[in-house]
Amino acid sequence: MSAAEKPTIVTSKHLADALAEKHELPKKQAKAVLEDLVATLGKHLKKGAKIRIGGLGILQVRKRPARMGRNPATGEPIKIKASKKIAFRPAKELKDSI
């Protein structure tokens, strides 16, 4: 892909519209279902659950320990505090489809 080409961005609205069309649902209802799915995923991740979605992959929270880093502008050492991040591991089917 050249620098001039931009990747297509698919938003939740695009996904909801596609689901509504495929399953003959009102767009508003499909959007609500998708929003509820995202909220439910967030709630389970916050509790520390590992989420496995067949054909898509696994979402889980990983803890990053505190560490020392450097300020890129000054080179001065700084302490980076511990944090949590959401990790995604794609399913084999998803990897193979690309």
PDB file of N, CA and C in Angstrom:
ATOM      1  N   MET A   1       0.851  -1.179   0.000  1.00  0.00           N
ATOM      2  CA  MET A   1       0.000   0.000   0.000  1.00  0.00           C
ATOM      3  C   MET A   1       0.892   1.236   0.000  1.00  0.00           C
ATOM      4  N   SER A   2       0.667   2.150  -0.913  1.00  0.00           N
ATOM      5  CA  SER A   2       1.484   3.359  -0.968  1.00  0.00           C
ATOM      6  C   SER A   2       1.014   4.351   0.087  1.00  0.00           C
ATOM      7  N   ALA A   3       1.825   5.377   0.310  1.00  0.00           N
ATOM      8  CA  ALA A   3       1.512   6.377   1.321  1.00  0.00           C
ATOM      9  C   ALA A   3       0.242   7.147   0.969  1.00  0.00           C
ATOM     10  N   ALA A   4      -0.075   7.273  -0.306  1.00  0.00           N
ATOM     11  CA  ALA A   4      -1.259   8.021  -0.730  1.00  0.00           C
ATOM     12  C   ALA A   4      -2.557   7.248  -0.461  1.00  0.00           C
ATOM     13  N   GLU A   5      -2.473   5.914  -0.448  1.00  0.00           N
ATOM     14  CA  GLU A   5      -3.661   5.095  -0.213  1.00  0.00           C
ATOM     15  C   GLU A   5      -3.956   5.022   1.277  1.00  0.00           C
ATOM     16  N   LYS A   6      -5.196   5.302   1.628  1.00  0.00           N
ATOM     17  CA  LYS A   6      -5.586   5.202   3.031  1.00  0.00           C
ATOM     18  C   LYS A   6      -6.438   3.951   3.200  1.00  0.00           C
ATOM     19  N   PRO A   7      -6.259   3.230   4.318  1.00  0.00           N
ATOM     20  CA  PRO A   7      -7.090   2.045   4.537  1.00  0.00           C
ATOM     21  C   PRO A   7      -8.539   2.453   4.788  1.00  0.00           C
ATOM     22  N   THR A   8      -9.461   1.591   4.422  1.00  0.00           N
ATOM     23  CA  THR A   8     -10.870   1.837   4.662  1.00  0.00           C
ATOM     24  C   THR A   8     -11.139   1.721   6.157  1.00  0.00           C
ATOM     25  N   ILE A   9     -11.899   2.641   6.692  1.00  0.00           N
ATOM     26  CA  ILE A   9     -12.262   2.592   8.107  1.00  0.00           C
ATOM     27  C   ILE A   9     -13.712   2.133   8.211  1.00  0.00           C
ATOM     28  N   VAL A  10     -13.914   1.038   8.916  1.00  0.00           N
ATOM     29  CA  VAL A  10     -15.252   0.498   9.132  1.00  0.00           C
ATOM     30  C   VAL A  10     -15.648   0.836  10.562  1.00  0.00           C
ATOM     31  N   THR A  11     -16.734   1.575  10.724  1.00  0.00           N
ATOM     32  CA  THR A  11     -17.191   1.987  12.049  1.00  0.00           C
ATOM     33  C   THR A  11     -18.290   1.050  12.555  1.00  0.00           C
ATOM     34  N   SER A  12     -18.670   1.247  13.813  1.00  0.00           N
ATOM     35  CA  SER A  12     -19.752   0.428  14.371  1.00  0.00           C
ATOM     36  C   SER A  12     -21.056   0.686  13.620  1.00  0.00           C
ATOM     37  N   LYS A  13     -21.229   1.903  13.088  1.00  0.00           N
ATOM     38  CA  LYS A  13     -22.432   2.203  12.303  1.00  0.00           C
ATOM     39  C   LYS A  13     -22.461   1.346  11.038  1.00  0.00           C
ATOM     40  N   HIS A  14     -21.309   1.207  10.365  1.00  0.00           N
ATOM     41  CA  HIS A  14     -21.245   0.355   9.170  1.00  0.00           C
ATOM     42  C   HIS A  14     -21.578  -1.092   9.521  1.00  0.00           C
ATOM     43  N   LEU A  15     -21.020  -1.565  10.637  1.00  0.00           N
ATOM     44  CA  LEU A  15     -21.277  -2.947  11.060  1.00  0.00           C
ATOM     45  C   LEU A  15     -22.754  -3.144  11.392  1.00  0.00           C
ATOM     46  N   ALA A  16     -23.341  -2.187  12.104  1.00  0.00           N
ATOM     47  CA  ALA A  16     -24.760  -2.283  12.468  1.00  0.00           C
ATOM     48  C   ALA A  16     -25.634  -2.273  11.222  1.00  0.00           C
ATOM     49  N   ASP A  17     -25.312  -1.423  10.258  1.00  0.00           N
ATOM     50  CA  ASP A  17     -26.095  -1.367   9.011  1.00  0.00           C
ATOM     51  C   ASP A  17     -26.024  -2.692   8.262  1.00  0.00           C
ATOM     52  N   ALA A  18     -24.827  -3.297   8.218  1.00  0.00           N
ATOM     53  CA  ALA A  18     -24.664  -4.584   7.529  1.00  0.00           C
ATOM     54  C   ALA A  18     -25.459  -5.681   8.239  1.00  0.00           C
ATOM     55  N   LEU A  19     -25.412  -5.681   9.579  1.00  0.00           N
ATOM     56  CA  LEU A  19     -26.173  -6.675  10.336  1.00  0.00           C
ATOM     57  C   LEU A  19     -27.672  -6.488  10.136  1.00  0.00           C
ATOM     58  N   ALA A  20     -28.130  -5.241  10.134  1.00  0.00           N
ATOM     59  CA  ALA A  20     -29.549  -4.948   9.948  1.00  0.00           C
ATOM     60  C   ALA A  20     -30.031  -5.463   8.596  1.00  0.00           C
ATOM     61  N   GLU A  21     -29.225  -5.229   7.569  1.00  0.00           N
ATOM     62  CA  GLU A  21     -29.602  -5.665   6.230  1.00  0.00           C
ATOM     63  C   GLU A  21     -29.624  -7.192   6.121  1.00  0.00           C
ATOM     64  N   LYS A  22     -28.590  -7.833   6.667  1.00  0.00           N
ATOM     65  CA  LYS A  22     -28.474  -9.285   6.554  1.00  0.00           C
ATOM     66  C   LYS A  22     -29.569 -10.025   7.332  1.00  0.00           C
ATOM     67  N   HIS A  23     -29.946  -9.485   8.494  1.00  0.00           N
ATOM     68  CA  HIS A  23     -30.913 -10.171   9.354  1.00  0.00           C
ATOM     69  C   HIS A  23     -32.289  -9.523   9.352  1.00  0.00           C
ATOM     70  N   GLU A  24     -32.516  -8.623   8.401  1.00  0.00           N
ATOM     71  CA  GLU A  24     -33.800  -7.943   8.238  1.00  0.00           C
ATOM     72  C   GLU A  24     -34.286  -7.334   9.557  1.00  0.00           C
ATOM     73  N   LEU A  25     -33.423  -6.541  10.179  1.00  0.00           N
ATOM     74  CA  LEU A  25     -33.742  -5.834  11.416  1.00  0.00           C
ATOM     75  C   LEU A  25     -33.745  -4.336  11.141  1.00  0.00           C
ATOM     76  N   PRO A  26     -34.457  -3.583  11.968  1.00  0.00           N
ATOM     77  CA  PRO A  26     -34.332  -2.120  11.846  1.00  0.00           C
ATOM     78  C   PRO A  26     -32.898  -1.706  12.203  1.00  0.00           C
ATOM     79  N   LYS A  27     -32.370  -0.707  11.515  1.00  0.00           N
ATOM     80  CA  LYS A  27     -30.992  -0.271  11.759  1.00  0.00           C
ATOM     81  C   LYS A  27     -30.799   0.161  13.209  1.00  0.00           C
ATOM     82  N   LYS A  28     -31.813   0.794  13.776  1.00  0.00           N
ATOM     83  CA  LYS A  28     -31.737   1.266  15.159  1.00  0.00           C
ATOM     84  C   LYS A  28     -31.556   0.088  16.121  1.00  0.00           C
ATOM     85  N   GLN A  29     -32.274  -0.986  15.862  1.00  0.00           N
ATOM     86  CA  GLN A  29     -32.193  -2.178  16.717  1.00  0.00           C
ATOM     87  C   GLN A  29     -30.823  -2.852  16.582  1.00  0.00           C
ATOM     88  N   ALA A  30     -30.325  -2.957  15.379  1.00  0.00           N
ATOM     89  CA  ALA A  30     -29.006  -3.575  15.159  1.00  0.00           C
ATOM     90  C   ALA A  30     -27.922  -2.744  15.840  1.00  0.00           C
ATOM     91  N   LYS A  31     -28.030  -1.422  15.771  1.00  0.00           N
ATOM     92  CA  LYS A  31     -27.053  -0.543  16.425  1.00  0.00           C
ATOM     93  C   LYS A  31     -27.103  -0.728  17.936  1.00  0.00           C
ATOM     94  N   ALA A  32     -28.321  -0.855  18.491  1.00  0.00           N
ATOM     95  CA  ALA A  32     -28.474  -1.051  19.937  1.00  0.00           C
ATOM     96  C   ALA A  32     -27.847  -2.377  20.381  1.00  0.00           C
ATOM     97  N   VAL A  33     -28.028  -3.427  19.587  1.00  0.00           N
ATOM     98  CA  VAL A  33     -27.452  -4.738  19.915  1.00  0.00           C
ATOM     99  C   VAL A  33     -25.931  -4.652  19.907  1.00  0.00           C
ATOM    100  N   LEU A  34     -25.366  -3.997  18.913  1.00  0.00           N
ATOM    101  CA  LEU A  34     -23.917  -3.854  18.814  1.00  0.00           C
ATOM    102  C   LEU A  34     -23.360  -3.030  19.982  1.00  0.00           C
ATOM    103  N   GLU A  35     -24.045  -1.956  20.349  1.00  0.00           N
ATOM    104  CA  GLU A  35     -23.618  -1.137  21.492  1.00  0.00           C
ATOM    105  C   GLU A  35     -23.684  -1.932  22.790  1.00  0.00           C
ATOM    106  N   ASP A  36     -24.739  -2.750  22.951  1.00  0.00           N
ATOM    107  CA  ASP A  36     -24.860  -3.591  24.144  1.00  0.00           C
ATOM    108  C   ASP A  36     -23.747  -4.634  24.194  1.00  0.00           C
ATOM    109  N   LEU A  37     -23.374  -5.182  23.041  1.00  0.00           N
ATOM    110  CA  LEU A  37     -22.288  -6.152  22.983  1.00  0.00           C
ATOM    111  C   LEU A  37     -20.983  -5.515  23.467  1.00  0.00           C
ATOM    112  N   VAL A  38     -20.685  -4.326  22.973  1.00  0.00           N
ATOM    113  CA  VAL A  38     -19.455  -3.629  23.368  1.00  0.00           C
ATOM    114  C   VAL A  38     -19.475  -3.329  24.872  1.00  0.00           C
ATOM    115  N   ALA A  39     -20.606  -2.879  25.389  1.00  0.00           N
ATOM    116  CA  ALA A  39     -20.719  -2.580  26.822  1.00  0.00           C
ATOM    117  C   ALA A  39     -20.543  -3.842  27.659  1.00  0.00           C
ATOM    118  N   THR A  40     -21.122  -4.942  27.210  1.00  0.00           N
ATOM    119  CA  THR A  40     -21.002  -6.219  27.933  1.00  0.00           C
ATOM    120  C   THR A  40     -19.562  -6.715  27.916  1.00  0.00           C
ATOM    121  N   LEU A  41     -18.892  -6.595  26.781  1.00  0.00           N
ATOM    122  CA  LEU A  41     -17.480  -6.991  26.700  1.00  0.00           C
ATOM    123  C   LEU A  41     -16.650  -6.168  27.683  1.00  0.00           C
ATOM    124  N   GLY A  42     -16.882  -4.867  27.722  1.00  0.00           N
ATOM    125  CA  GLY A  42     -16.161  -3.991  28.636  1.00  0.00           C
ATOM    126  C   GLY A  42     -16.392  -4.360  30.092  1.00  0.00           C
ATOM    127  N   LYS A  43     -17.628  -4.696  30.419  1.00  0.00           N
ATOM    128  CA  LYS A  43     -17.970  -5.069  31.797  1.00  0.00           C
ATOM    129  C   LYS A  43     -17.227  -6.337  32.209  1.00  0.00           C
ATOM    130  N   HIS A  44     -17.202  -7.326  31.331  1.00  0.00           N
ATOM    131  CA  HIS A  44     -16.516  -8.584  31.648  1.00  0.00           C
ATOM    132  C   HIS A  44     -14.999  -8.401  31.714  1.00  0.00           C
ATOM    133  N   LEU A  45     -14.445  -7.586  30.825  1.00  0.00           N
ATOM    134  CA  LEU A  45     -13.005  -7.324  30.859  1.00  0.00           C
ATOM    135  C   LEU A  45     -12.618  -6.610  32.151  1.00  0.00           C
ATOM    136  N   LYS A  46     -13.466  -5.689  32.595  1.00  0.00           N
ATOM    137  CA  LYS A  46     -13.196  -4.955  33.830  1.00  0.00           C
ATOM    138  C   LYS A  46     -13.140  -5.903  35.030  1.00  0.00           C
ATOM    139  N   LYS A  47     -13.953  -6.970  34.988  1.00  0.00           N
ATOM    140  CA  LYS A  47     -13.951  -7.972  36.062  1.00  0.00           C
ATOM    141  C   LYS A  47     -12.766  -8.927  35.956  1.00  0.00           C
ATOM    142  N   GLY A  48     -12.008  -8.845  34.857  1.00  0.00           N
ATOM    143  CA  GLY A  48     -10.844  -9.707  34.688  1.00  0.00           C
ATOM    144  C   GLY A  48     -11.110 -10.972  33.897  1.00  0.00           C
ATOM    145  N   ALA A  49     -12.278 -11.064  33.268  1.00  0.00           N
ATOM    146  CA  ALA A  49     -12.619 -12.263  32.490  1.00  0.00           C
ATOM    147  C   ALA A  49     -11.844 -12.295  31.174  1.00  0.00           C
ATOM    148  N   LYS A  50     -11.647 -13.496  30.678  1.00  0.00           N
ATOM    149  CA  LYS A  50     -11.042 -13.719  29.363  1.00  0.00           C
ATOM    150  C   LYS A  50     -12.215 -14.009  28.429  1.00  0.00           C
ATOM    151  N   ILE A  51     -12.321 -13.282  27.324  1.00  0.00           N
ATOM    152  CA  ILE A  51     -13.460 -13.429  26.415  1.00  0.00           C
ATOM    153  C   ILE A  51     -13.002 -14.131  25.148  1.00  0.00           C
ATOM    154  N   ARG A  52     -13.625 -15.272  24.864  1.00  0.00           N
ATOM    155  CA  ARG A  52     -13.300 -16.045  23.663  1.00  0.00           C
ATOM    156  C   ARG A  52     -14.514 -15.989  22.737  1.00  0.00           C
ATOM    157  N   ILE A  53     -14.302 -15.441  21.530  1.00  0.00           N
ATOM    158  CA  ILE A  53     -15.360 -15.361  20.523  1.00  0.00           C
ATOM    159  C   ILE A  53     -14.910 -16.219  19.356  1.00  0.00           C
ATOM    160  N   GLY A  54     -15.623 -17.322  19.139  1.00  0.00           N
ATOM    161  CA  GLY A  54     -15.270 -18.267  18.092  1.00  0.00           C
ATOM    162  C   GLY A  54     -15.157 -17.601  16.731  1.00  0.00           C
ATOM    163  N   GLY A  55     -14.081 -17.879  16.014  1.00  0.00           N
ATOM    164  CA  GLY A  55     -13.868 -17.320  14.692  1.00  0.00           C
ATOM    165  C   GLY A  55     -13.263 -15.931  14.716  1.00  0.00           C
ATOM    166  N   LEU A  56     -13.293 -15.255  15.873  1.00  0.00           N
ATOM    167  CA  LEU A  56     -12.733 -13.909  15.981  1.00  0.00           C
ATOM    168  C   LEU A  56     -11.436 -13.925  16.783  1.00  0.00           C
ATOM    169  N   GLY A  57     -11.511 -14.374  18.037  1.00  0.00           N
ATOM    170  CA  GLY A  57     -10.300 -14.428  18.842  1.00  0.00           C
ATOM    171  C   GLY A  57     -10.577 -14.301  20.328  1.00  0.00           C
ATOM    172  N   ILE A  58      -9.532 -13.955  21.074  1.00  0.00           N
ATOM    173  CA  ILE A  58      -9.602 -13.853  22.526  1.00  0.00           C
ATOM    174  C   ILE A  58      -9.215 -12.440  22.952  1.00  0.00           C
ATOM    175  N   LEU A  59     -10.031 -11.869  23.826  1.00  0.00           N
ATOM    176  CA  LEU A  59      -9.747 -10.578  24.443  1.00  0.00           C
ATOM    177  C   LEU A  59      -9.469 -10.821  25.912  1.00  0.00           C
ATOM    178  N   GLN A  60      -8.426 -10.176  26.441  1.00  0.00           N
ATOM    179  CA  GLN A  60      -8.163 -10.299  27.869  1.00  0.00           C
ATOM    180  C   GLN A  60      -7.369  -9.089  28.342  1.00  0.00           C
ATOM    181  N   VAL A  61      -7.440  -8.833  29.656  1.00  0.00           N
ATOM    182  CA  VAL A  61      -6.701  -7.729  30.249  1.00  0.00           C
ATOM    183  C   VAL A  61      -5.349  -8.256  30.695  1.00  0.00           C
ATOM    184  N   ARG A  62      -4.304  -7.537  30.336  1.00  0.00           N
ATOM    185  CA  ARG A  62      -2.957  -7.892  30.779  1.00  0.00           C
ATOM    186  C   ARG A  62      -2.416  -6.745  31.613  1.00  0.00           C
ATOM    187  N   LYS A  63      -1.712  -7.108  32.678  1.00  0.00           N
ATOM    188  CA  LYS A  63      -1.129  -6.099  33.553  1.00  0.00           C
ATOM    189  C   LYS A  63       0.294  -5.805  33.093  1.00  0.00           C
ATOM    190  N   ARG A  64       0.611  -4.530  33.015  1.00  0.00           N
ATOM    191  CA  ARG A  64       1.976  -4.105  32.676  1.00  0.00           C
ATOM    192  C   ARG A  64       2.619  -3.585  33.953  1.00  0.00           C
ATOM    193  N   PRO A  65       3.747  -4.131  34.355  1.00  0.00           N
ATOM    194  CA  PRO A  65       4.385  -3.690  35.594  1.00  0.00           C
ATOM    195  C   PRO A  65       4.985  -2.292  35.453  1.00  0.00           C
ATOM    196  N   ALA A  66       5.234  -1.663  36.597  1.00  0.00           N
ATOM    197  CA  ALA A  66       5.912  -0.370  36.594  1.00  0.00           C
ATOM    198  C   ALA A  66       7.319  -0.588  36.052  1.00  0.00           C
ATOM    199  N   ARG A  67       7.852   0.422  35.368  1.00  0.00           N
ATOM    200  CA  ARG A  67       9.176   0.273  34.777  1.00  0.00           C
ATOM    201  C   ARG A  67       9.819   1.650  34.615  1.00  0.00           C
ATOM    202  N   MET A  68      11.094   1.626  34.328  1.00  0.00           N
ATOM    203  CA  MET A  68      11.814   2.869  34.079  1.00  0.00           C
ATOM    204  C   MET A  68      11.855   3.110  32.570  1.00  0.00           C
ATOM    205  N   GLY A  69      11.666   4.371  32.185  1.00  0.00           N
ATOM    206  CA  GLY A  69      11.725   4.746  30.780  1.00  0.00           C
ATOM    207  C   GLY A  69      12.576   5.994  30.643  1.00  0.00           C
ATOM    208  N   ARG A  70      12.611   6.548  29.450  1.00  0.00           N
ATOM    209  CA  ARG A  70      13.387   7.776  29.223  1.00  0.00           C
ATOM    210  C   ARG A  70      12.509   8.796  28.511  1.00  0.00           C
ATOM    211  N   ASN A  71      12.637  10.031  28.921  1.00  0.00           N
ATOM    212  CA  ASN A  71      11.980  11.120  28.222  1.00  0.00           C
ATOM    213  C   ASN A  71      12.714  11.292  26.894  1.00  0.00           C
ATOM    214  N   PRO A  72      12.028  11.101  25.751  1.00  0.00           N
ATOM    215  CA  PRO A  72      12.725  11.161  24.462  1.00  0.00           C
ATOM    216  C   PRO A  72      13.316  12.546  24.158  1.00  0.00           C
ATOM    217  N   ALA A  73      12.742  13.590  24.717  1.00  0.00           N
ATOM    218  CA  ALA A  73      13.237  14.939  24.423  1.00  0.00           C
ATOM    219  C   ALA A  73      14.524  15.245  25.191  1.00  0.00           C
ATOM    220  N   THR A  74      14.576  14.819  26.471  1.00  0.00           N
ATOM    221  CA  THR A  74      15.722  15.188  27.305  1.00  0.00           C
ATOM    222  C   THR A  74      16.647  14.027  27.632  1.00  0.00           C
ATOM    223  N   GLY A  75      16.170  12.809  27.450  1.00  0.00           N
ATOM    224  CA  GLY A  75      16.970  11.639  27.799  1.00  0.00           C
ATOM    225  C   GLY A  75      16.936  11.346  29.292  1.00  0.00           C
ATOM    226  N   GLU A  76      16.179  12.143  30.032  1.00  0.00           N
ATOM    227  CA  GLU A  76      16.077  11.985  31.484  1.00  0.00           C
ATOM    228  C   GLU A  76      15.271  10.729  31.827  1.00  0.00           C
ATOM    229  N   PRO A  77      15.749   9.903  32.784  1.00  0.00           N
ATOM    230  CA  PRO A  77      14.989   8.712  33.175  1.00  0.00           C
ATOM    231  C   PRO A  77      13.700   9.114  33.901  1.00  0.00           C
ATOM    232  N   ILE A  78      12.623   8.401  33.585  1.00  0.00           N
ATOM    233  CA  ILE A  78      11.344   8.641  34.257  1.00  0.00           C
ATOM    234  C   ILE A  78      10.743   7.304  34.672  1.00  0.00           C
ATOM    235  N   LYS A  79       9.942   7.322  35.720  1.00  0.00           N
ATOM    236  CA  LYS A  79       9.280   6.106  36.185  1.00  0.00           C
ATOM    237  C   LYS A  79       7.913   6.034  35.513  1.00  0.00           C
ATOM    238  N   ILE A  80       7.640   4.921  34.859  1.00  0.00           N
ATOM    239  CA  ILE A  80       6.348   4.691  34.216  1.00  0.00           C
ATOM    240  C   ILE A  80       5.565   3.778  35.146  1.00  0.00           C
ATOM    241  N   LYS A  81       4.376   4.232  35.569  1.00  0.00           N
ATOM    242  CA  LYS A  81       3.631   3.440  36.545  1.00  0.00           C
ATOM    243  C   LYS A  81       2.967   2.223  35.898  1.00  0.00           C
ATOM    244  N   ALA A  82       2.603   1.270  36.748  1.00  0.00           N
ATOM    245  CA  ALA A  82       1.944   0.043  36.293  1.00  0.00           C
ATOM    246  C   ALA A  82       0.613   0.401  35.633  1.00  0.00           C
ATOM    247  N   SER A  83       0.210  -0.397  34.663  1.00  0.00           N
ATOM    248  CA  SER A  83      -1.054  -0.149  33.970  1.00  0.00           C
ATOM    249  C   SER A  83      -1.656  -1.463  33.492  1.00  0.00           C
ATOM    250  N   LYS A  84      -2.854  -1.358  32.964  1.00  0.00           N
ATOM    251  CA  LYS A  84      -3.529  -2.513  32.375  1.00  0.00           C
ATOM    252  C   LYS A  84      -3.762  -2.199  30.908  1.00  0.00           C
ATOM    253  N   LYS A  85      -3.736  -3.244  30.075  1.00  0.00           N
ATOM    254  CA  LYS A  85      -4.043  -3.052  28.659  1.00  0.00           C
ATOM    255  C   LYS A  85      -4.917  -4.207  28.192  1.00  0.00           C
ATOM    256  N   ILE A  86      -5.658  -3.970  27.140  1.00  0.00           N
ATOM    257  CA  ILE A  86      -6.487  -5.025  26.563  1.00  0.00           C
ATOM    258  C   ILE A  86      -5.690  -5.665  25.437  1.00  0.00           C
ATOM    259  N   ALA A  87      -5.523  -6.981  25.542  1.00  0.00           N
ATOM    260  CA  ALA A  87      -4.781  -7.725  24.518  1.00  0.00           C
ATOM    261  C   ALA A  87      -5.775  -8.522  23.679  1.00  0.00           C
ATOM    262  N   PHE A  88      -5.514  -8.584  22.390  1.00  0.00           N
ATOM    263  CA  PHE A  88      -6.358  -9.352  21.472  1.00  0.00           C
ATOM    264  C   PHE A  88      -5.487 -10.367  20.753  1.00  0.00           C
ATOM    265  N   ARG A  89      -5.911 -11.615  20.789  1.00  0.00           N
ATOM    266  CA  ARG A  89      -5.212 -12.666  20.044  1.00  0.00           C
ATOM    267  C   ARG A  89      -6.203 -13.218  19.027  1.00  0.00           C
ATOM    268  N   PRO A  90      -5.962 -13.008  17.745  1.00  0.00           N
ATOM    269  CA  PRO A  90      -6.913 -13.455  16.730  1.00  0.00           C
ATOM    270  C   PRO A  90      -6.996 -14.976  16.635  1.00  0.00           C
ATOM    271  N   ALA A  91      -8.183 -15.446  16.281  1.00  0.00           N
ATOM    272  CA  ALA A  91      -8.407 -16.876  16.079  1.00  0.00           C
ATOM    273  C   ALA A  91      -7.740 -17.305  14.775  1.00  0.00           C
ATOM    274  N   LYS A  92      -7.419 -18.594  14.681  1.00  0.00           N
ATOM    275  CA  LYS A  92      -6.781 -19.136  13.496  1.00  0.00           C
ATOM    276  C   LYS A  92      -7.628 -18.871  12.237  1.00  0.00           C
ATOM    277  N   GLU A  93      -8.949 -19.008  12.348  1.00  0.00           N
ATOM    278  CA  GLU A  93      -9.836 -18.782  11.201  1.00  0.00           C
ATOM    279  C   GLU A  93      -9.708 -17.344  10.684  1.00  0.00           C
ATOM    280  N   LEU A  94      -9.610 -16.399  11.623  1.00  0.00           N
ATOM    281  CA  LEU A  94      -9.490 -14.999  11.234  1.00  0.00           C
ATOM    282  C   LEU A  94      -8.146 -14.748  10.546  1.00  0.00           C
ATOM    283  N   LYS A  95      -7.073 -15.296  11.119  1.00  0.00           N
ATOM    284  CA  LYS A  95      -5.739 -15.143  10.519  1.00  0.00           C
ATOM    285  C   LYS A  95      -5.703 -15.747   9.120  1.00  0.00           C
ATOM    286  N   ASP A  96      -6.297 -16.930   8.975  1.00  0.00           N
ATOM    287  CA  ASP A  96      -6.277 -17.618   7.682  1.00  0.00           C
ATOM    288  C   ASP A  96      -7.113 -16.895   6.625  1.00  0.00           C
ATOM    289  N   SER A  97      -8.126 -16.136   7.067  1.00  0.00           N
ATOM    290  CA  SER A  97      -9.008 -15.447   6.112  1.00  0.00           C
ATOM    291  C   SER A  97      -8.344 -14.220   5.508  1.00  0.00           C
ATOM    292  N   ILE A  98      -7.243 -13.779   6.083  1.00  0.00           N
ATOM    293  CA  ILE A  98      -6.591 -12.545   5.603  1.00  0.00           C
ATOM    294  C   ILE A  98      -5.550 -12.858   4.602  1.00  0.00           C
TER     295      ILE A  98
END
